[in-house]
Amino acid sequence: MLQDTTILIGPYEVPLVFVDYCDVKGYFQRNEGMKIVVLREPSDPMSQRDTVLHELMHLVYFCYGIEESDNEERTVTTLAHGLTEVFARNPDIARYLAGVRQRAKD
């Protein structure tokens, strides 16, 4: 299970925080200091991964300046570029979302 961490994207360092109680499964906070908050769901890890990915997409949408008026192709391409950056700069997130457990370090 992924622990609280920091997501690197563009010039930002965005906290990813897991909580035991939340009114929703997760949210991306833009104001008053960016952060992603996700409900800890030990009984449903796939749902938790889905929520983390959903909130990461909100982060990319914001950081890469996607607008509601952008066409579908620009939106999808920009999301792909942003997620590629997130996974490249934060390999623990990519492993977590893929469901791969980290090996113990020797």
Protein backbone atom coordinates (compact mmCIF):
# COMPACT_ATOMS: atom_id res chain seq x y z
CA MET A 1 0.00 0.00 0.00
CA LEU A 2 1.28 3.42 -0.92
CA GLN A 3 2.00 5.78 1.96
CA ASP A 4 1.68 9.55 1.99
CA THR A 5 4.08 10.96 -0.56
CA THR A 6 4.82 13.98 -2.74
CA ILE A 7 3.97 14.08 -6.44
CA LEU A 8 6.43 15.94 -8.66
CA ILE A 9 4.83 17.60 -11.68
CA GLY A 10 6.13 20.62 -13.55
CA PRO A 11 7.48 23.08 -10.97
CA TYR A 12 5.19 21.69 -8.25
CA GLU A 13 5.60 19.31 -5.34
CA VAL A 14 2.07 18.19 -4.47
CA PRO A 15 1.34 16.17 -1.32
CA LEU A 16 -0.66 12.96 -1.78
CA VAL A 17 -2.29 12.20 1.56
CA PHE A 18 -4.29 9.13 2.57
CA VAL A 19 -6.95 9.63 5.26
CA ASP A 20 -9.15 7.27 7.25
CA TYR A 21 -12.28 9.41 6.89
CA CYS A 22 -13.48 11.64 4.07
CA ASP A 23 -16.93 12.58 2.74
CA VAL A 24 -15.81 11.50 -0.75
CA LYS A 25 -13.32 8.93 -2.05
CA GLY A 26 -10.82 11.66 -2.85
CA TYR A 27 -10.27 15.19 -4.05
CA PHE A 28 -7.72 17.51 -5.59
CA GLN A 29 -7.36 20.80 -3.72
CA ARG A 30 -6.11 23.68 -5.87
CA ASN A 31 -6.49 26.55 -3.47
CA GLU A 32 -4.69 27.16 -0.19
CA GLY A 33 -1.83 24.88 -1.15
CA MET A 34 -2.30 22.13 -3.70
CA LYS A 35 -2.75 18.58 -2.44
CA ILE A 36 -4.48 15.33 -3.26
CA VAL A 37 -6.46 13.64 -0.49
CA VAL A 38 -7.59 10.02 -0.89
CA LEU A 39 -9.70 7.85 1.40
CA ARG A 40 -7.69 4.86 2.63
CA GLU A 41 -9.53 1.73 1.46
CA PRO A 42 -7.58 -1.32 2.63
CA SER A 43 -10.50 -3.62 1.80
CA ASP A 44 -10.73 -2.36 -1.80
CA PRO A 45 -7.25 -1.53 -3.12
CA MET A 46 -8.39 -1.42 -6.77
CA SER A 47 -10.98 1.25 -5.97
CA GLN A 48 -8.33 3.21 -4.09
CA ARG A 49 -5.97 3.01 -7.09
CA ASP A 50 -8.78 4.19 -9.35
CA THR A 51 -9.37 7.19 -7.06
CA VAL A 52 -5.65 8.07 -7.00
CA LEU A 53 -5.52 7.97 -10.81
CA HIS A 54 -8.70 10.06 -11.04
CA GLU A 55 -7.22 12.74 -8.76
CA LEU A 56 -3.89 12.64 -10.62
CA MET A 57 -5.82 13.44 -13.79
CA HIS A 58 -7.36 16.48 -12.06
CA LEU A 59 -3.81 17.52 -11.11
CA VAL A 60 -2.60 17.17 -14.71
CA TYR A 61 -5.68 19.02 -15.99
CA PHE A 62 -4.83 21.92 -13.70
CA CYS A 63 -1.03 21.97 -14.04
CA TYR A 64 -1.06 21.60 -17.83
CA GLY A 65 -3.72 24.29 -18.30
CA ILE A 66 -6.41 22.20 -19.98
CA GLU A 67 -9.54 24.25 -20.61
CA GLU A 68 -13.14 23.10 -20.91
CA SER A 69 -13.15 24.57 -24.41
CA ASP A 70 -10.21 22.39 -25.56
CA ASN A 71 -11.13 19.76 -28.10
CA GLU A 72 -11.01 16.07 -27.25
CA GLU A 73 -7.72 15.34 -29.03
CA ARG A 74 -5.86 18.17 -27.28
CA THR A 75 -7.32 17.13 -23.93
CA VAL A 76 -6.37 13.46 -24.33
CA THR A 77 -2.89 14.29 -25.67
CA THR A 78 -2.24 16.72 -22.83
CA LEU A 79 -3.46 14.21 -20.22
CA ALA A 80 -1.15 11.59 -21.75
CA HIS A 81 1.84 13.94 -21.60
CA GLY A 82 1.04 14.90 -18.02
CA LEU A 83 0.53 11.34 -16.81
CA THR A 84 3.74 10.27 -18.59
CA GLU A 85 5.58 12.98 -16.65
CA VAL A 86 3.97 11.95 -13.35
CA PHE A 87 4.88 8.27 -13.85
CA ALA A 88 8.43 9.05 -15.05
CA ARG A 89 9.17 11.42 -12.17
CA ASN A 90 7.28 9.37 -9.55
CA PRO A 91 7.96 5.69 -10.31
CA ASP A 92 6.50 4.56 -6.96
CA ILE A 93 3.12 5.93 -8.12
CA ALA A 94 3.33 3.98 -11.38
CA ARG A 95 4.17 0.76 -9.52
CA TYR A 96 1.37 1.37 -7.02
CA LEU A 97 -1.23 1.98 -9.74
CA ALA A 98 -0.10 -1.14 -11.59
CA GLY A 99 -0.52 -3.13 -8.38
CA VAL A 100 3.15 -4.06 -8.26
CA ARG A 101 4.61 -4.40 -4.81
CA GLN A 102 8.00 -2.91 -4.20
CA ARG A 103 10.77 -5.35 -3.53
CA ALA A 104 12.47 -5.16 -0.18
CA LYS A 105 15.83 -3.46 -0.47
CA ASP A 106 18.82 -5.62 0.38
